[in-house]
């Protein structure tokens, strides 16, 4: 059971980093630091979007729009931290 809990914790940690990378990449694209005409940038952005969007979509329906500021990644990261904490508390 311990190894299963650690595996889920690790998967959540990887997902959290994918979310953080997607947020930073979306800022870089928005401020024209990187260009989506580059095939590598487009592919990385597309993969990260497809991974993170199913989890962010329900949160966006609940969290109010703050005039262009999307707080759903912050809420999702907090939920992931909460889930990881619960998993580790069950481990002890």
PDB file of N, CA and C in Angstrom:
ATOM      1  N   UNK A   1       0.820  -1.190   0.000  1.00  0.00           N
ATOM      2  CA  UNK A   1       0.000   0.000   0.000  1.00  0.00           C
ATOM      3  C   UNK A   1       0.867   1.259   0.000  1.00  0.00           C
ATOM      4  N   UNK A   2       1.994   1.193   0.667  1.00  0.00           N
ATOM      5  CA  UNK A   2       2.888   2.339   0.734  1.00  0.00           C
ATOM      6  C   UNK A   2       3.403   2.719  -0.646  1.00  0.00           C
ATOM      7  N   UNK A   3       3.757   1.746  -1.429  1.00  0.00           N
ATOM      8  CA  UNK A   3       4.287   2.051  -2.753  1.00  0.00           C
ATOM      9  C   UNK A   3       3.212   2.659  -3.654  1.00  0.00           C
ATOM     10  N   UNK A   4       1.963   2.242  -3.502  1.00  0.00           N
ATOM     11  CA  UNK A   4       0.873   2.824  -4.285  1.00  0.00           C
ATOM     12  C   UNK A   4       0.644   4.287  -3.908  1.00  0.00           C
ATOM     13  N   UNK A   5       0.683   4.579  -2.637  1.00  0.00           N
ATOM     14  CA  UNK A   5       0.519   5.965  -2.178  1.00  0.00           C
ATOM     15  C   UNK A   5       1.666   6.830  -2.683  1.00  0.00           C
ATOM     16  N   UNK A   6       2.879   6.314  -2.638  1.00  0.00           N
ATOM     17  CA  UNK A   6       4.021   7.072  -3.142  1.00  0.00           C
ATOM     18  C   UNK A   6       3.950   7.268  -4.648  1.00  0.00           C
ATOM     19  N   UNK A   7       3.429   6.280  -5.368  1.00  0.00           N
ATOM     20  CA  UNK A   7       3.256   6.415  -6.814  1.00  0.00           C
ATOM     21  C   UNK A   7       2.235   7.498  -7.146  1.00  0.00           C
ATOM     22  N   UNK A   8       1.112   7.510  -6.457  1.00  0.00           N
ATOM     23  CA  UNK A   8       0.099   8.548  -6.684  1.00  0.00           C
ATOM     24  C   UNK A   8       0.659   9.917  -6.316  1.00  0.00           C
ATOM     25  N   UNK A   9       1.414   9.995  -5.241  1.00  0.00           N
ATOM     26  CA  UNK A   9       2.044  11.257  -4.845  1.00  0.00           C
ATOM     27  C   UNK A   9       2.993  11.750  -5.928  1.00  0.00           C
ATOM     28  N   UNK A  10       3.777  10.860  -6.499  1.00  0.00           N
ATOM     29  CA  UNK A  10       4.721  11.234  -7.552  1.00  0.00           C
ATOM     30  C   UNK A  10       3.997  11.675  -8.820  1.00  0.00           C
ATOM     31  N   UNK A  11       2.932  10.980  -9.182  1.00  0.00           N
ATOM     32  CA  UNK A  11       2.154  11.360 -10.368  1.00  0.00           C
ATOM     33  C   UNK A  11       1.537  12.742 -10.167  1.00  0.00           C
ATOM     34  N   UNK A  12       1.022  13.007  -8.979  1.00  0.00           N
ATOM     35  CA  UNK A  12       0.478  14.336  -8.689  1.00  0.00           C
ATOM     36  C   UNK A  12       1.560  15.409  -8.741  1.00  0.00           C
ATOM     37  N   UNK A  13       2.751  15.065  -8.289  1.00  0.00           N
ATOM     38  CA  UNK A  13       3.860  16.016  -8.339  1.00  0.00           C
ATOM     39  C   UNK A  13       4.256  16.325  -9.783  1.00  0.00           C
ATOM     40  N   UNK A  14       4.309  15.308 -10.632  1.00  0.00           N
ATOM     41  CA  UNK A  14       4.623  15.520 -12.055  1.00  0.00           C
ATOM     42  C   UNK A  14       3.531  16.361 -12.712  1.00  0.00           C
ATOM     43  N   UNK A  15       2.271  16.086 -12.394  1.00  0.00           N
ATOM     44  CA  UNK A  15       1.167  16.857 -12.958  1.00  0.00           C
ATOM     45  C   UNK A  15       1.243  18.320 -12.522  1.00  0.00           C
ATOM     46  N   UNK A  16       1.615  18.535 -11.275  1.00  0.00           N
ATOM     47  CA  UNK A  16       1.753  19.906 -10.773  1.00  0.00           C
ATOM     48  C   UNK A  16       2.835  20.656 -11.549  1.00  0.00           C
ATOM     49  N   UNK A  17       3.947  19.993 -11.832  1.00  0.00           N
ATOM     50  CA  UNK A  17       5.014  20.643 -12.595  1.00  0.00           C
ATOM     51  C   UNK A  17       4.599  20.884 -14.042  1.00  0.00           C
ATOM     52  N   UNK A  18       3.838  19.969 -14.615  1.00  0.00           N
ATOM     53  CA  UNK A  18       3.317  20.206 -15.975  1.00  0.00           C
ATOM     54  C   UNK A  18       2.413  21.426 -15.991  1.00  0.00           C
ATOM     55  N   UNK A  19       1.610  21.578 -14.972  1.00  0.00           N
ATOM     56  CA  UNK A  19       0.733  22.741 -14.868  1.00  0.00           C
ATOM     57  C   UNK A  19       1.530  24.036 -14.738  1.00  0.00           C
ATOM     58  N   UNK A  20       2.558  24.024 -13.915  1.00  0.00           N
ATOM     59  CA  UNK A  20       3.392  25.218 -13.743  1.00  0.00           C
ATOM     60  C   UNK A  20       4.109  25.563 -15.040  1.00  0.00           C
ATOM     61  N   UNK A  21       4.633  24.563 -15.726  1.00  0.00           N
ATOM     62  CA  UNK A  21       5.321  24.808 -17.001  1.00  0.00           C
ATOM     63  C   UNK A  21       4.347  25.358 -18.032  1.00  0.00           C
ATOM     64  N   UNK A  22       3.118  24.833 -18.072  1.00  0.00           N
ATOM     65  CA  UNK A  22       2.128  25.333 -19.020  1.00  0.00           C
ATOM     66  C   UNK A  22       1.765  26.792 -18.741  1.00  0.00           C
ATOM     67  N   UNK A  23       1.629  27.144 -17.467  1.00  0.00           N
ATOM     68  CA  UNK A  23       1.308  28.536 -17.118  1.00  0.00           C
ATOM     69  C   UNK A  23       2.437  29.468 -17.544  1.00  0.00           C
ATOM     70  N   UNK A  24       3.668  29.111 -17.247  1.00  0.00           N
ATOM     71  CA  UNK A  24       4.810  29.965 -17.629  1.00  0.00           C
ATOM     72  C   UNK A  24       4.923  30.048 -19.149  1.00  0.00           C
ATOM     73  N   UNK A  25       4.732  28.931 -19.846  1.00  0.00           N
ATOM     74  CA  UNK A  25       4.797  28.947 -21.306  1.00  0.00           C
ATOM     75  C   UNK A  25       3.676  29.799 -21.895  1.00  0.00           C
ATOM     76  N   UNK A  26       2.492  29.749 -21.311  1.00  0.00           N
ATOM     77  CA  UNK A  26       1.403  30.584 -21.828  1.00  0.00           C
ATOM     78  C   UNK A  26       1.695  32.069 -21.618  1.00  0.00           C
ATOM     79  N   UNK A  27       2.355  32.414 -20.510  1.00  0.00           N
ATOM     80  CA  UNK A  27       2.766  33.818 -20.308  1.00  0.00           C
ATOM     81  C   UNK A  27       3.808  34.219 -21.344  1.00  0.00           C
ATOM     82  N   UNK A  28       4.773  33.344 -21.588  1.00  0.00           N
ATOM     83  CA  UNK A  28       5.809  33.656 -22.578  1.00  0.00           C
ATOM     84  C   UNK A  28       5.218  33.814 -23.974  1.00  0.00           C
ATOM     85  N   UNK A  29       4.232  33.023 -24.300  1.00  0.00           N
ATOM     86  CA  UNK A  29       3.570  33.156 -25.594  1.00  0.00           C
ATOM     87  C   UNK A  29       2.759  34.448 -25.633  1.00  0.00           C
ATOM     88  N   UNK A  30       2.069  34.753 -24.552  1.00  0.00           N
ATOM     89  CA  UNK A  30       1.232  35.955 -24.498  1.00  0.00           C
ATOM     90  C   UNK A  30       2.058  37.233 -24.638  1.00  0.00           C
ATOM     91  N   UNK A  31       3.241  37.266 -24.061  1.00  0.00           N
ATOM     92  CA  UNK A  31       4.101  38.455 -24.122  1.00  0.00           C
ATOM     93  C   UNK A  31       5.085  38.408 -25.291  1.00  0.00           C
ATOM     94  N   UNK A  32       4.861  37.485 -26.235  1.00  0.00           N
ATOM     95  CA  UNK A  32       5.668  37.349 -27.458  1.00  0.00           C
ATOM     96  C   UNK A  32       7.152  37.121 -27.196  1.00  0.00           C
ATOM     97  N   UNK A  33       7.460  36.418 -26.129  1.00  0.00           N
ATOM     98  CA  UNK A  33       8.844  36.036 -25.865  1.00  0.00           C
ATOM     99  C   UNK A  33       9.193  34.805 -26.692  1.00  0.00           C
ATOM    100  N   UNK A  34       8.254  33.860 -26.760  1.00  0.00           N
ATOM    101  CA  UNK A  34       8.401  32.708 -27.634  1.00  0.00           C
ATOM    102  C   UNK A  34       7.268  32.732 -28.643  1.00  0.00           C
ATOM    103  N   UNK A  35       7.479  32.091 -29.766  1.00  0.00           N
ATOM    104  CA  UNK A  35       6.539  32.150 -30.865  1.00  0.00           C
ATOM    105  C   UNK A  35       5.967  30.765 -31.124  1.00  0.00           C
ATOM    106  N   UNK A  36       4.662  30.682 -31.307  1.00  0.00           N
ATOM    107  CA  UNK A  36       4.038  29.384 -31.551  1.00  0.00           C
ATOM    108  C   UNK A  36       4.233  28.911 -32.987  1.00  0.00           C
ATOM    109  N   UNK A  37       4.839  29.747 -33.836  1.00  0.00           N
ATOM    110  CA  UNK A  37       5.178  29.281 -35.183  1.00  0.00           C
ATOM    111  C   UNK A  37       6.324  28.267 -35.131  1.00  0.00           C
ATOM    112  N   UNK A  38       7.095  28.298 -34.053  1.00  0.00           N
ATOM    113  CA  UNK A  38       8.112  27.286 -33.833  1.00  0.00           C
ATOM    114  C   UNK A  38       7.408  25.963 -33.538  1.00  0.00           C
ATOM    115  N   UNK A  39       7.719  24.935 -34.280  1.00  0.00           N
ATOM    116  CA  UNK A  39       7.018  23.663 -34.151  1.00  0.00           C
ATOM    117  C   UNK A  39       7.201  23.029 -32.771  1.00  0.00           C
ATOM    118  N   UNK A  40       8.393  23.147 -32.193  1.00  0.00           N
ATOM    119  CA  UNK A  40       8.635  22.579 -30.864  1.00  0.00           C
ATOM    120  C   UNK A  40       7.792  23.284 -29.807  1.00  0.00           C
ATOM    121  N   UNK A  41       7.763  24.614 -29.846  1.00  0.00           N
ATOM    122  CA  UNK A  41       6.977  25.383 -28.878  1.00  0.00           C
ATOM    123  C   UNK A  41       5.499  25.047 -29.030  1.00  0.00           C
ATOM    124  N   UNK A  42       5.038  24.955 -30.283  1.00  0.00           N
ATOM    125  CA  UNK A  42       3.635  24.623 -30.524  1.00  0.00           C
ATOM    126  C   UNK A  42       3.297  23.241 -29.982  1.00  0.00           C
ATOM    127  N   UNK A  43       4.170  22.272 -30.205  1.00  0.00           N
ATOM    128  CA  UNK A  43       3.915  20.903 -29.756  1.00  0.00           C
ATOM    129  C   UNK A  43       3.902  20.819 -28.231  1.00  0.00           C
ATOM    130  N   UNK A  44       4.870  21.439 -27.582  1.00  0.00           N
ATOM    131  CA  UNK A  44       4.926  21.417 -26.115  1.00  0.00           C
ATOM    132  C   UNK A  44       3.688  22.099 -25.538  1.00  0.00           C
ATOM    133  N   UNK A  45       3.321  23.242 -26.083  1.00  0.00           N
ATOM    134  CA  UNK A  45       2.147  23.963 -25.599  1.00  0.00           C
ATOM    135  C   UNK A  45       0.880  23.132 -25.809  1.00  0.00           C
ATOM    136  N   UNK A  46       0.757  22.489 -26.953  1.00  0.00           N
ATOM    137  CA  UNK A  46      -0.422  21.685 -27.245  1.00  0.00           C
ATOM    138  C   UNK A  46      -0.537  20.489 -26.306  1.00  0.00           C
ATOM    139  N   UNK A  47       0.573  19.806 -26.072  1.00  0.00           N
ATOM    140  CA  UNK A  47       0.555  18.647 -25.171  1.00  0.00           C
ATOM    141  C   UNK A  47       0.207  19.070 -23.748  1.00  0.00           C
ATOM    142  N   UNK A  48       0.828  20.131 -23.266  1.00  0.00           N
ATOM    143  CA  UNK A  48       0.546  20.596 -21.910  1.00  0.00           C
ATOM    144  C   UNK A  48      -0.893  21.089 -21.780  1.00  0.00           C
ATOM    145  N   UNK A  49      -1.412  21.735 -22.818  1.00  0.00           N
ATOM    146  CA  UNK A  49      -2.801  22.190 -22.800  1.00  0.00           C
ATOM    147  C   UNK A  49      -3.747  21.002 -22.722  1.00  0.00           C
ATOM    148  N   UNK A  50      -3.484  19.976 -23.521  1.00  0.00           N
ATOM    149  CA  UNK A  50      -4.356  18.797 -23.517  1.00  0.00           C
ATOM    150  C   UNK A  50      -4.287  18.035 -22.194  1.00  0.00           C
ATOM    151  N   UNK A  51      -3.158  18.110 -21.517  1.00  0.00           N
ATOM    152  CA  UNK A  51      -3.019  17.429 -20.225  1.00  0.00           C
ATOM    153  C   UNK A  51      -3.727  18.203 -19.115  1.00  0.00           C
ATOM    154  N   UNK A  52      -3.595  19.526 -19.128  1.00  0.00           N
ATOM    155  CA  UNK A  52      -4.088  20.322 -18.003  1.00  0.00           C
ATOM    156  C   UNK A  52      -5.530  20.808 -18.163  1.00  0.00           C
ATOM    157  N   UNK A  53      -5.999  20.964 -19.373  1.00  0.00           N
ATOM    158  CA  UNK A  53      -7.325  21.557 -19.581  1.00  0.00           C
ATOM    159  C   UNK A  53      -8.471  20.746 -18.977  1.00  0.00           C
ATOM    160  N   UNK A  54      -8.487  19.411 -19.045  1.00  0.00           N
ATOM    161  CA  UNK A  54      -9.604  18.687 -18.422  1.00  0.00           C
ATOM    162  C   UNK A  54      -9.741  18.932 -16.918  1.00  0.00           C
ATOM    163  N   UNK A  55      -8.657  19.188 -16.230  1.00  0.00           N
ATOM    164  CA  UNK A  55      -8.736  19.464 -14.795  1.00  0.00           C
ATOM    165  C   UNK A  55      -9.056  20.931 -14.525  1.00  0.00           C
ATOM    166  N   UNK A  56      -8.669  21.818 -15.427  1.00  0.00           N
ATOM    167  CA  UNK A  56      -8.898  23.245 -15.205  1.00  0.00           C
ATOM    168  C   UNK A  56     -10.311  23.676 -15.593  1.00  0.00           C
ATOM    169  N   UNK A  57     -10.924  23.016 -16.551  1.00  0.00           N
ATOM    170  CA  UNK A  57     -12.242  23.430 -17.050  1.00  0.00           C
ATOM    171  C   UNK A  57     -13.309  23.469 -15.956  1.00  0.00           C
ATOM    172  N   UNK A  58     -13.456  22.441 -15.101  1.00  0.00           N
ATOM    173  CA  UNK A  58     -14.478  22.539 -14.044  1.00  0.00           C
ATOM    174  C   UNK A  58     -14.180  23.633 -13.023  1.00  0.00           C
ATOM    175  N   UNK A  59     -12.906  23.884 -12.781  1.00  0.00           N
ATOM    176  CA  UNK A  59     -12.542  24.932 -11.825  1.00  0.00           C
ATOM    177  C   UNK A  59     -12.880  26.302 -12.400  1.00  0.00           C
ATOM    178  N   UNK A  60     -12.706  26.484 -13.705  1.00  0.00           N
ATOM    179  CA  UNK A  60     -13.024  27.758 -14.346  1.00  0.00           C
ATOM    180  C   UNK A  60     -14.511  28.072 -14.288  1.00  0.00           C
ATOM    181  N   UNK A  61     -15.348  27.051 -14.242  1.00  0.00           N
ATOM    182  CA  UNK A  61     -16.786  27.283 -14.131  1.00  0.00           C
ATOM    183  C   UNK A  61     -17.167  27.820 -12.759  1.00  0.00           C
ATOM    184  N   UNK A  62     -16.372  27.479 -11.741  1.00  0.00           N
ATOM    185  CA  UNK A  62     -16.688  27.874 -10.369  1.00  0.00           C
ATOM    186  C   UNK A  62     -16.007  29.180  -9.983  1.00  0.00           C
ATOM    187  N   UNK A  63     -14.735  29.335 -10.337  1.00  0.00           N
ATOM    188  CA  UNK A  63     -13.962  30.524  -9.965  1.00  0.00           C
ATOM    189  C   UNK A  63     -14.407  31.693 -10.844  1.00  0.00           C
ATOM    190  N   UNK A  64     -14.703  32.852 -10.244  1.00  0.00           N
ATOM    191  CA  UNK A  64     -15.164  33.991 -11.050  1.00  0.00           C
ATOM    192  C   UNK A  64     -14.048  34.571 -11.921  1.00  0.00           C
ATOM    193  N   UNK A  65     -14.448  35.175 -13.030  1.00  0.00           N
ATOM    194  CA  UNK A  65     -13.505  35.816 -13.940  1.00  0.00           C
ATOM    195  C   UNK A  65     -13.049  37.142 -13.339  1.00  0.00           C
ATOM    196  N   UNK A  66     -11.763  37.362 -13.281  1.00  0.00           N
ATOM    197  CA  UNK A  66     -11.217  38.578 -12.687  1.00  0.00           C
ATOM    198  C   UNK A  66     -10.627  39.503 -13.738  1.00  0.00           C
ATOM    199  N   UNK A  67     -11.278  39.623 -14.863  1.00  0.00           N
ATOM    200  CA  UNK A  67     -10.834  40.545 -15.894  1.00  0.00           C
ATOM    201  C   UNK A  67      -9.554  40.118 -16.584  1.00  0.00           C
ATOM    202  N   UNK A  68      -9.497  38.900 -17.032  1.00  0.00           N
ATOM    203  CA  UNK A  68      -8.327  38.421 -17.758  1.00  0.00           C
ATOM    204  C   UNK A  68      -7.326  37.665 -16.912  1.00  0.00           C
ATOM    205  N   UNK A  69      -7.511  37.624 -15.614  1.00  0.00           N
ATOM    206  CA  UNK A  69      -6.612  36.885 -14.728  1.00  0.00           C
ATOM    207  C   UNK A  69      -7.265  35.540 -14.424  1.00  0.00           C
ATOM    208  N   UNK A  70      -6.589  34.468 -14.771  1.00  0.00           N
ATOM    209  CA  UNK A  70      -7.111  33.120 -14.572  1.00  0.00           C
ATOM    210  C   UNK A  70      -6.514  32.534 -13.302  1.00  0.00           C
ATOM    211  N   UNK A  71      -7.352  32.345 -12.304  1.00  0.00           N
ATOM    212  CA  UNK A  71      -6.885  31.795 -11.036  1.00  0.00           C
ATOM    213  C   UNK A  71      -7.056  30.282 -10.935  1.00  0.00           C
ATOM    214  N   UNK A  72      -7.587  29.665 -11.968  1.00  0.00           N
ATOM    215  CA  UNK A  72      -7.833  28.223 -11.895  1.00  0.00           C
ATOM    216  C   UNK A  72      -6.554  27.396 -11.726  1.00  0.00           C
ATOM    217  N   UNK A  73      -5.401  27.758 -12.338  1.00  0.00           N
ATOM    218  CA  UNK A  73      -4.189  26.980 -12.053  1.00  0.00           C
ATOM    219  C   UNK A  73      -3.748  27.067 -10.589  1.00  0.00           C
ATOM    220  N   UNK A  74      -3.946  28.212  -9.975  1.00  0.00           N
ATOM    221  CA  UNK A  74      -3.580  28.360  -8.564  1.00  0.00           C
ATOM    222  C   UNK A  74      -4.472  27.469  -7.705  1.00  0.00           C
ATOM    223  N   UNK A  75      -5.768  27.459  -8.005  1.00  0.00           N
ATOM    224  CA  UNK A  75      -6.702  26.617  -7.253  1.00  0.00           C
ATOM    225  C   UNK A  75      -6.351  25.145  -7.436  1.00  0.00           C
ATOM    226  N   UNK A  76      -6.021  24.752  -8.665  1.00  0.00           N
ATOM    227  CA  UNK A  76      -5.669  23.356  -8.922  1.00  0.00           C
ATOM    228  C   UNK A  76      -4.378  22.963  -8.209  1.00  0.00           C
ATOM    229  N   UNK A  77      -3.399  23.839  -8.182  1.00  0.00           N
ATOM    230  CA  UNK A  77      -2.148  23.540  -7.463  1.00  0.00           C
ATOM    231  C   UNK A  77      -2.421  23.386  -5.974  1.00  0.00           C
ATOM    232  N   UNK A  78      -3.271  24.239  -5.421  1.00  0.00           N
ATOM    233  CA  UNK A  78      -3.631  24.107  -4.005  1.00  0.00           C
ATOM    234  C   UNK A  78      -4.366  22.799  -3.737  1.00  0.00           C
ATOM    235  N   UNK A  79      -5.248  22.395  -4.645  1.00  0.00           N
ATOM    236  CA  UNK A  79      -5.929  21.108  -4.490  1.00  0.00           C
ATOM    237  C   UNK A  79      -4.959  19.934  -4.571  1.00  0.00           C
ATOM    238  N   UNK A  80      -3.986  20.038  -5.460  1.00  0.00           N
ATOM    239  CA  UNK A  80      -2.974  18.973  -5.564  1.00  0.00           C
ATOM    240  C   UNK A  80      -2.150  18.901  -4.288  1.00  0.00           C
ATOM    241  N   UNK A  81      -1.740  20.053  -3.764  1.00  0.00           N
ATOM    242  CA  UNK A  81      -0.991  20.054  -2.501  1.00  0.00           C
ATOM    243  C   UNK A  81      -1.812  19.442  -1.368  1.00  0.00           C
ATOM    244  N   UNK A  82      -3.109  19.767  -1.334  1.00  0.00           N
ATOM    245  CA  UNK A  82      -3.981  19.211  -0.311  1.00  0.00           C
ATOM    246  C   UNK A  82      -4.073  17.688  -0.449  1.00  0.00           C
ATOM    247  N   UNK A  83      -4.237  17.200  -1.688  1.00  0.00           N
ATOM    248  CA  UNK A  83      -4.322  15.757  -1.919  1.00  0.00           C
ATOM    249  C   UNK A  83      -3.013  15.056  -1.543  1.00  0.00           C
ATOM    250  N   UNK A  84      -1.886  15.680  -1.878  1.00  0.00           N
ATOM    251  CA  UNK A  84      -0.592  15.091  -1.518  1.00  0.00           C
ATOM    252  C   UNK A  84      -0.423  15.039  -0.008  1.00  0.00           C
ATOM    253  N   UNK A  85      -0.873  16.075   0.677  1.00  0.00           N
ATOM    254  CA  UNK A  85      -0.772  16.087   2.127  1.00  0.00           C
ATOM    255  C   UNK A  85      -1.640  14.991   2.743  1.00  0.00           C
ATOM    256  N   UNK A  86      -2.842  14.817   2.202  1.00  0.00           N
ATOM    257  CA  UNK A  86      -3.700  13.741   2.697  1.00  0.00           C
ATOM    258  C   UNK A  86      -3.073  12.370   2.464  1.00  0.00           C
ATOM    259  N   UNK A  87      -2.467  12.194   1.296  1.00  0.00           N
ATOM    260  CA  UNK A  87      -1.824  10.914   1.007  1.00  0.00           C
ATOM    261  C   UNK A  87      -0.677  10.633   1.973  1.00  0.00           C
ATOM    262  N   UNK A  88       0.140  11.642   2.214  1.00  0.00           N
ATOM    263  CA  UNK A  88       1.276  11.424   3.110  1.00  0.00           C
ATOM    264  C   UNK A  88       0.845  11.235   4.557  1.00  0.00           C
ATOM    265  N   UNK A  89      -0.256  11.872   4.950  1.00  0.00           N
ATOM    266  CA  UNK A  89      -0.753  11.652   6.311  1.00  0.00           C
ATOM    267  C   UNK A  89      -1.298  10.233   6.486  1.00  0.00           C
ATOM    268  N   UNK A  90      -1.880   9.668   5.420  1.00  0.00           N
ATOM    269  CA  UNK A  90      -2.339   8.282   5.477  1.00  0.00           C
ATOM    270  C   UNK A  90      -1.178   7.314   5.492  1.00  0.00           C
ATOM    271  N   UNK A  91      -0.048   7.742   4.937  1.00  0.00           N
ATOM    272  CA  UNK A  91       1.130   6.897   4.912  1.00  0.00           C
ATOM    273  C   UNK A  91       1.726   6.743   6.307  1.00  0.00           C
ATOM    274  N   UNK A  92       1.666   7.804   7.090  1.00  0.00           N
ATOM    275  CA  UNK A  92       2.238   7.762   8.439  1.00  0.00           C
ATOM    276  C   UNK A  92       1.288   7.083   9.351  1.00  0.00           C
TER     277      UNK A  92
END
